[in-house]
Structure formats: C-alpha cells, structure tokens
Amino acid sequence: MSDPFGEENVEITEEFVEGDINENDLIDGNVEYVDGNGISFETTTFDNSNNNNNNNNHNNNSYNSGFDGDLSSVDGDMKPKETAPAMREYLEKHEKEMQEKKKKSEEKRQKKIAEAKQSLDNFYSEREAKKKTALKNNRDHNKSLETDSTSGNTTHTWESVVSMIDLQAKPNPANKDTSRMREILIRLKNQPIV
C-alpha cells in the first residue's frame, strides 16, 4: 500500500472504539477490551461464519447474531484479567517516581516557606532596631536643643538659628542651591536687625 506522500509499505493501524467493530474486518475474530488502567478483559470471539450468513439480513439482530455475549457485560460484569508484568512494573515505577517528585516538591515548598518566614522576621527585627535608634537619636537631639535654649548662651535669636544649621555642608547637586540662604543667616548673626 502506498500513501499520498510517496512512501511505500506504510502500515496502517486502527483503533476500535467499543461498538465500532466491524466483524468482517477481523481476521481471527477475537476482540480484547482494555480499560483505562491497562487491565484487559476477557476476549470476545465473533463467529464469522454465522455473520456471513446474516450479512444480507438487515434486521436489528444481525449485529448480535454472531456475538458470544452481551455488550453490557463488558462494562463491569466481567472480571478483569491480570495486568501484564511489564505494564505492572512500569505503573509501579511510575507511581514511585510521582510520589518522589511530590515529596521533593513539598519539601521545597516547606523550605521556601521557612526561608520567607525567617526573612520577614529579620526584616521586622531590623526595622524595630532602626526605629529605636532613630527615636533615641531624636530624643538626644531634642534634649541638647532644649538645654542650649534654656542656658541662654546666645545673646540673640540669630545666633541660636545659625547654631542649629550646618554651615559647612556642601550643596548637593540634586537639591536646590542654599548658599544664598546661608549667607543671609551669617550676615544676620553678625549684624542683627534691631
């Protein structure tokens, strides 16, 4: 037999669905049913000699006349045969592999969850430490400002204003230029307006 693509000796295979079997096409008259798990049921034999006699008969019984059994019995009344050893071995091996993959996946998942919890705990502990140090620094700074203002070391307010700012800081290019403001504050400190 040749196929339309030009290759010779192409073997054609067909899969039969239950009820789609044409008894005339069967060579030996045997049909083997296999369920979804690979378990094969008892084979059913068609009697081709009877079927050839009934071929011209178009009544409803022509299909079942050569059939040794009932199609409804294939669904569950028959006892399944034992699975082939190679198939059973493959299924067991596959099941073990799937269980190992599932176990490894669950271990990875638990590890990721533990790492995430540890990371969150570290983040919150660092955040608390930063908050505490910032709070302490702010309190110390406020206390020093209060002691300076109550001590009365400065004779006028512009000196206290200039003492609160950093006059040595260099301007940052990202920020606005504050050099003019610094000059004004220094001038007011040296020559206060009365």
C-alpha atoms as a PDB file:
ATOM      1  CA  MET A   1       0.000   0.000   0.000  1.00  0.00           C
ATOM      2  CA  SER A   2       1.316   3.465  -0.762  1.00  0.00           C
ATOM      3  CA  ASP A   3       0.453   6.677   0.942  1.00  0.00           C
ATOM      4  CA  PRO A   4      -0.209  10.059  -0.733  1.00  0.00           C
ATOM      5  CA  PHE A   5       3.250  11.279   0.299  1.00  0.00           C
ATOM      6  CA  GLY A   6       5.031   8.698  -1.828  1.00  0.00           C
ATOM      7  CA  GLU A   7       6.306   6.355   0.876  1.00  0.00           C
ATOM      8  CA  GLU A   8       5.921   2.653   0.167  1.00  0.00           C
ATOM      9  CA  ASN A   9       4.999  -0.068   2.674  1.00  0.00           C
ATOM     10  CA  VAL A  10       3.189   2.159   5.130  1.00  0.00           C
ATOM     11  CA  GLU A  11       1.457   0.158   7.852  1.00  0.00           C
ATOM     12  CA  ILE A  12      -1.973   1.425   8.754  1.00  0.00           C
ATOM     13  CA  THR A  13      -3.243   0.766  12.250  1.00  0.00           C
ATOM     14  CA  GLU A  14      -6.717   1.433  13.509  1.00  0.00           C
ATOM     15  CA  GLU A  15      -8.092   1.823  16.965  1.00  0.00           C
ATOM     16  CA  PHE A  16     -11.558   0.488  17.600  1.00  0.00           C
ATOM     17  CA  VAL A  17     -13.900   2.169  19.993  1.00  0.00           C
ATOM     18  CA  GLU A  18     -16.458  -0.042  21.703  1.00  0.00           C
ATOM     19  CA  GLY A  19     -19.340  -0.534  19.294  1.00  0.00           C
ATOM     20  CA  ASP A  20     -17.289   0.456  16.213  1.00  0.00           C
ATOM     21  CA  ILE A  21     -16.023  -3.048  15.462  1.00  0.00           C
ATOM     22  CA  ASN A  22     -16.828  -4.466  12.051  1.00  0.00           C
ATOM     23  CA  GLU A  23     -16.777  -8.237  12.419  1.00  0.00           C
ATOM     24  CA  ASN A  24     -15.998  -8.782   8.718  1.00  0.00           C
ATOM     25  CA  ASP A  25     -12.652  -6.958   9.092  1.00  0.00           C
ATOM     26  CA  LEU A  26     -11.475  -9.160  11.954  1.00  0.00           C
ATOM     27  CA  ILE A  27      -9.003 -11.806  10.878  1.00  0.00           C
ATOM     28  CA  ASP A  28      -9.189 -14.210  13.783  1.00  0.00           C
ATOM     29  CA  GLY A  29     -12.463 -12.950  15.215  1.00  0.00           C
ATOM     30  CA  ASN A  30     -11.029 -12.018  18.622  1.00  0.00           C
ATOM     31  CA  VAL A  31     -11.535  -8.657  20.308  1.00  0.00           C
ATOM     32  CA  GLU A  32      -9.755  -7.732  23.522  1.00  0.00           C
ATOM     33  CA  TYR A  33     -11.163  -4.942  25.689  1.00  0.00           C
ATOM     34  CA  VAL A  34      -8.813  -2.846  27.840  1.00  0.00           C
ATOM     35  CA  ASP A  35      -9.982  -0.399  30.497  1.00  0.00           C
ATOM     36  CA  GLY A  36      -8.322   2.942  31.352  1.00  0.00           C
ATOM     37  CA  ASN A  37      -5.861   1.317  33.779  1.00  0.00           C
ATOM     38  CA  GLY A  38      -4.470  -1.051  31.178  1.00  0.00           C
ATOM     39  CA  ILE A  39      -6.320  -4.086  32.568  1.00  0.00           C
ATOM     40  CA  SER A  40      -7.569  -6.260  29.734  1.00  0.00           C
ATOM     41  CA  PHE A  41     -10.918  -8.026  29.910  1.00  0.00           C
ATOM     42  CA  GLU A  42     -11.697 -11.462  28.550  1.00  0.00           C
ATOM     43  CA  THR A  43     -11.568 -11.584  24.783  1.00  0.00           C
ATOM     44  CA  THR A  44     -14.795 -11.843  22.889  1.00  0.00           C
ATOM     45  CA  THR A  45     -14.968 -14.118  19.864  1.00  0.00           C
ATOM     46  CA  PHE A  46     -17.102 -13.404  16.851  1.00  0.00           C
ATOM     47  CA  ASP A  47     -18.324 -16.278  14.734  1.00  0.00           C
ATOM     48  CA  ASN A  48     -17.570 -15.103  11.184  1.00  0.00           C
ATOM     49  CA  SER A  49     -19.409 -17.986   9.502  1.00  0.00           C
ATOM     50  CA  ASN A  50     -22.688 -17.011  11.176  1.00  0.00           C
ATOM     51  CA  ASN A  51     -22.055 -13.379  10.456  1.00  0.00           C
ATOM     52  CA  ASN A  52     -21.507 -14.001   6.737  1.00  0.00           C
ATOM     53  CA  ASN A  53     -24.884 -15.766   6.546  1.00  0.00           C
ATOM     54  CA  ASN A  54     -26.604 -12.854   8.253  1.00  0.00           C
ATOM     55  CA  ASN A  55     -24.872 -10.180   6.166  1.00  0.00           C
ATOM     56  CA  ASN A  56     -27.811  -9.924   3.784  1.00  0.00           C
ATOM     57  CA  ASN A  57     -30.253  -9.706   6.667  1.00  0.00           C
ATOM     58  CA  HIS A  58     -30.813  -6.060   7.693  1.00  0.00           C
ATOM     59  CA  ASN A  59     -32.739  -6.628  10.886  1.00  0.00           C
ATOM     60  CA  ASN A  60     -31.544  -5.460  14.310  1.00  0.00           C
ATOM     61  CA  ASN A  61     -30.319  -8.910  15.298  1.00  0.00           C
ATOM     62  CA  SER A  62     -27.714  -9.174  12.524  1.00  0.00           C
ATOM     63  CA  TYR A  63     -25.067  -7.455  14.654  1.00  0.00           C
ATOM     64  CA  ASN A  64     -25.611  -9.617  17.714  1.00  0.00           C
ATOM     65  CA  SER A  65     -26.193 -12.905  15.896  1.00  0.00           C
ATOM     66  CA  GLY A  66     -22.512 -13.901  15.838  1.00  0.00           C
ATOM     67  CA  PHE A  67     -21.632 -12.338  19.170  1.00  0.00           C
ATOM     68  CA  ASP A  68     -20.993 -14.687  22.089  1.00  0.00           C
ATOM     69  CA  GLY A  69     -22.060 -12.416  24.904  1.00  0.00           C
ATOM     70  CA  ASP A  70     -23.688  -9.117  25.658  1.00  0.00           C
ATOM     71  CA  LEU A  71     -22.045  -5.694  25.218  1.00  0.00           C
ATOM     72  CA  SER A  72     -23.470  -4.565  28.541  1.00  0.00           C
ATOM     73  CA  SER A  73     -21.423  -7.251  30.270  1.00  0.00           C
ATOM     74  CA  VAL A  74     -18.187  -5.570  29.119  1.00  0.00           C
ATOM     75  CA  ASP A  75     -18.907  -2.555  31.319  1.00  0.00           C
ATOM     76  CA  GLY A  76     -18.389  -4.251  34.656  1.00  0.00           C
ATOM     77  CA  ASP A  77     -19.809  -7.725  34.981  1.00  0.00           C
ATOM     78  CA  MET A  78     -16.689  -9.465  33.648  1.00  0.00           C
ATOM     79  CA  LYS A  79     -13.718  -9.953  35.897  1.00  0.00           C
ATOM     80  CA  PRO A  80     -10.576  -8.223  34.627  1.00  0.00           C
ATOM     81  CA  LYS A  81      -7.530 -10.264  33.753  1.00  0.00           C
ATOM     82  CA  GLU A  82      -4.223  -9.688  35.465  1.00  0.00           C
ATOM     83  CA  THR A  83      -2.163  -6.829  34.045  1.00  0.00           C
ATOM     84  CA  ALA A  84       0.919  -7.793  32.091  1.00  0.00           C
ATOM     85  CA  PRO A  85       4.044  -7.935  34.295  1.00  0.00           C
ATOM     86  CA  ALA A  86       5.889  -5.322  32.228  1.00  0.00           C
ATOM     87  CA  MET A  87       2.928  -2.952  32.407  1.00  0.00           C
ATOM     88  CA  ARG A  88       2.520  -3.556  36.143  1.00  0.00           C
ATOM     89  CA  GLU A  89       6.257  -2.921  36.668  1.00  0.00           C
ATOM     90  CA  TYR A  90       6.055   0.288  34.646  1.00  0.00           C
ATOM     91  CA  LEU A  91       2.990   1.502  36.550  1.00  0.00           C
ATOM     92  CA  GLU A  92       4.644   0.781  39.918  1.00  0.00           C
ATOM     93  CA  LYS A  93       7.843   2.527  38.841  1.00  0.00           C
ATOM     94  CA  HIS A  94       5.871   5.494  37.532  1.00  0.00           C
ATOM     95  CA  GLU A  95       3.856   5.718  40.749  1.00  0.00           C
ATOM     96  CA  LYS A  96       7.058   5.686  42.850  1.00  0.00           C
ATOM     97  CA  GLU A  97       8.587   8.414  40.674  1.00  0.00           C
ATOM     98  CA  MET A  98       5.465  10.540  41.023  1.00  0.00           C
ATOM     99  CA  GLN A  99       5.456  10.085  44.809  1.00  0.00           C
ATOM    100  CA  GLU A 100       9.149  11.055  44.987  1.00  0.00           C
ATOM    101  CA  LYS A 101       8.519  14.144  42.853  1.00  0.00           C
ATOM    102  CA  LYS A 102       5.576  15.101  45.035  1.00  0.00           C
ATOM    103  CA  LYS A 103       7.660  14.592  48.191  1.00  0.00           C
ATOM    104  CA  LYS A 104      10.549  16.691  46.818  1.00  0.00           C
ATOM    105  CA  SER A 105       8.149  19.393  45.711  1.00  0.00           C
ATOM    106  CA  GLU A 106       6.546  19.519  49.155  1.00  0.00           C
ATOM    107  CA  GLU A 107       9.989  19.676  50.814  1.00  0.00           C
ATOM    108  CA  LYS A 108      10.997  22.573  48.546  1.00  0.00           C
ATOM    109  CA  ARG A 109       7.728  24.331  49.304  1.00  0.00           C
ATOM    110  CA  GLN A 110       8.207  23.958  53.070  1.00  0.00           C
ATOM    111  CA  LYS A 111      11.813  25.157  52.747  1.00  0.00           C
ATOM    112  CA  LYS A 112      10.711  28.259  50.806  1.00  0.00           C
ATOM    113  CA  ILE A 113       8.024  28.989  53.396  1.00  0.00           C
ATOM    114  CA  ALA A 114      10.566  28.683  56.231  1.00  0.00           C
ATOM    115  CA  GLU A 115      13.017  30.966  54.384  1.00  0.00           C
ATOM    116  CA  ALA A 116      10.269  33.524  53.785  1.00  0.00           C
ATOM    117  CA  LYS A 117       9.269  33.495  57.462  1.00  0.00           C
ATOM    118  CA  GLN A 118      12.913  33.904  58.504  1.00  0.00           C
ATOM    119  CA  SER A 119      13.360  36.773  56.049  1.00  0.00           C
ATOM    120  CA  LEU A 120      10.243  38.515  57.365  1.00  0.00           C
ATOM    121  CA  ASP A 121      11.389  38.070  60.965  1.00  0.00           C
ATOM    122  CA  ASN A 122      14.809  39.532  60.101  1.00  0.00           C
ATOM    123  CA  PHE A 123      13.206  42.460  58.289  1.00  0.00           C
ATOM    124  CA  TYR A 124      10.911  43.311  61.192  1.00  0.00           C
ATOM    125  CA  SER A 125      13.679  42.960  63.796  1.00  0.00           C
ATOM    126  CA  GLU A 126      15.988  45.253  61.780  1.00  0.00           C
ATOM    127  CA  ARG A 127      13.141  47.717  61.325  1.00  0.00           C
ATOM    128  CA  GLU A 128      12.454  47.779  65.068  1.00  0.00           C
ATOM    129  CA  ALA A 129      16.149  48.303  65.822  1.00  0.00           C
ATOM    130  CA  LYS A 130      16.321  51.211  63.344  1.00  0.00           C
ATOM    131  CA  LYS A 131      13.187  52.758  64.822  1.00  0.00           C
ATOM    132  CA  LYS A 132      14.588  52.520  68.344  1.00  0.00           C
ATOM    133  CA  THR A 133      17.946  54.072  67.398  1.00  0.00           C
ATOM    134  CA  ALA A 134      16.238  56.860  65.418  1.00  0.00           C
ATOM    135  CA  LEU A 135      13.921  57.564  68.356  1.00  0.00           C
ATOM    136  CA  LYS A 136      16.855  57.649  70.769  1.00  0.00           C
ATOM    137  CA  ASN A 137      18.847  59.972  68.481  1.00  0.00           C
ATOM    138  CA  ASN A 138      15.877  62.327  68.093  1.00  0.00           C
ATOM    139  CA  ARG A 139      15.327  62.463  71.855  1.00  0.00           C
ATOM    140  CA  ASP A 140      19.026  63.187  72.469  1.00  0.00           C
ATOM    141  CA  HIS A 141      18.991  65.905  69.824  1.00  0.00           C
ATOM    142  CA  ASN A 142      15.852  67.497  71.286  1.00  0.00           C
ATOM    143  CA  LYS A 143      17.351  67.443  74.791  1.00  0.00           C
ATOM    144  CA  SER A 144      20.513  69.165  73.554  1.00  0.00           C
ATOM    145  CA  LEU A 145      18.416  71.811  71.796  1.00  0.00           C
ATOM    146  CA  GLU A 146      16.377  72.416  74.950  1.00  0.00           C
ATOM    147  CA  THR A 147      19.489  72.749  77.104  1.00  0.00           C
ATOM    148  CA  ASP A 148      21.021  75.206  74.631  1.00  0.00           C
ATOM    149  CA  SER A 149      17.899  77.350  74.515  1.00  0.00           C
ATOM    150  CA  THR A 150      17.443  77.390  78.294  1.00  0.00           C
ATOM    151  CA  SER A 151      21.101  78.005  79.076  1.00  0.00           C
ATOM    152  CA  GLY A 152      20.974  81.437  77.485  1.00  0.00           C
ATOM    153  CA  ASN A 153      24.444  81.200  75.947  1.00  0.00           C
ATOM    154  CA  THR A 154      23.312  83.131  72.916  1.00  0.00           C
ATOM    155  CA  THR A 155      22.611  86.819  73.159  1.00  0.00           C
ATOM    156  CA  HIS A 156      20.150  86.964  70.333  1.00  0.00           C
ATOM    157  CA  THR A 157      17.996  84.584  68.297  1.00  0.00           C
ATOM    158  CA  TRP A 158      20.029  84.646  65.077  1.00  0.00           C
ATOM    159  CA  GLU A 159      22.978  83.069  66.837  1.00  0.00           C
ATOM    160  CA  SER A 160      20.759  80.218  68.022  1.00  0.00           C
ATOM    161  CA  VAL A 161      19.368  79.797  64.490  1.00  0.00           C
ATOM    162  CA  VAL A 162      22.853  79.599  62.986  1.00  0.00           C
ATOM    163  CA  SER A 163      23.926  77.096  65.656  1.00  0.00           C
ATOM    164  CA  MET A 164      21.072  74.768  64.576  1.00  0.00           C
ATOM    165  CA  ILE A 165      22.164  74.512  60.946  1.00  0.00           C
ATOM    166  CA  ASP A 166      25.272  73.062  59.349  1.00  0.00           C
ATOM    167  CA  LEU A 167      27.164  75.853  57.647  1.00  0.00           C
ATOM    168  CA  GLN A 168      29.972  73.601  56.415  1.00  0.00           C
ATOM    169  CA  ALA A 169      27.720  71.270  54.384  1.00  0.00           C
ATOM    170  CA  LYS A 170      28.435  71.306  50.669  1.00  0.00           C
ATOM    171  CA  PRO A 171      25.472  71.738  48.346  1.00  0.00           C
ATOM    172  CA  ASN A 172      24.100  68.584  46.794  1.00  0.00           C
ATOM    173  CA  PRO A 173      23.502  68.871  43.025  1.00  0.00           C
ATOM    174  CA  ALA A 174      20.160  67.074  43.383  1.00  0.00           C
ATOM    175  CA  ASN A 175      18.903  69.670  45.889  1.00  0.00           C
ATOM    176  CA  LYS A 176      18.383  73.384  45.424  1.00  0.00           C
ATOM    177  CA  ASP A 177      21.270  75.778  45.954  1.00  0.00           C
ATOM    178  CA  THR A 178      21.126  77.084  49.557  1.00  0.00           C
ATOM    179  CA  SER A 179      24.320  79.141  49.535  1.00  0.00           C
ATOM    180  CA  ARG A 180      22.408  82.467  49.380  1.00  0.00           C
ATOM    181  CA  MET A 181      20.318  81.485  52.438  1.00  0.00           C
ATOM    182  CA  ARG A 182      23.463  80.607  54.380  1.00  0.00           C
ATOM    183  CA  GLU A 183      24.984  83.996  53.551  1.00  0.00           C
ATOM    184  CA  ILE A 184      21.868  85.787  54.813  1.00  0.00           C
ATOM    185  CA  LEU A 185      21.839  83.842  58.093  1.00  0.00           C
ATOM    186  CA  ILE A 186      25.533  84.550  58.723  1.00  0.00           C
ATOM    187  CA  ARG A 187      25.005  88.269  58.000  1.00  0.00           C
ATOM    188  CA  LEU A 188      22.043  88.392  60.402  1.00  0.00           C
ATOM    189  CA  LYS A 189      24.096  86.661  63.079  1.00  0.00           C
ATOM    190  CA  ASN A 190      26.957  89.125  62.721  1.00  0.00           C
ATOM    191  CA  GLN A 191      24.806  92.246  62.282  1.00  0.00           C
ATOM    192  CA  PRO A 192      21.392  91.593  63.818  1.00  0.00           C
ATOM    193  CA  ILE A 193      18.471  93.795  62.840  1.00  0.00           C
ATOM    194  CA  VAL A 194      17.273  95.810  65.792  1.00  0.00           C
END
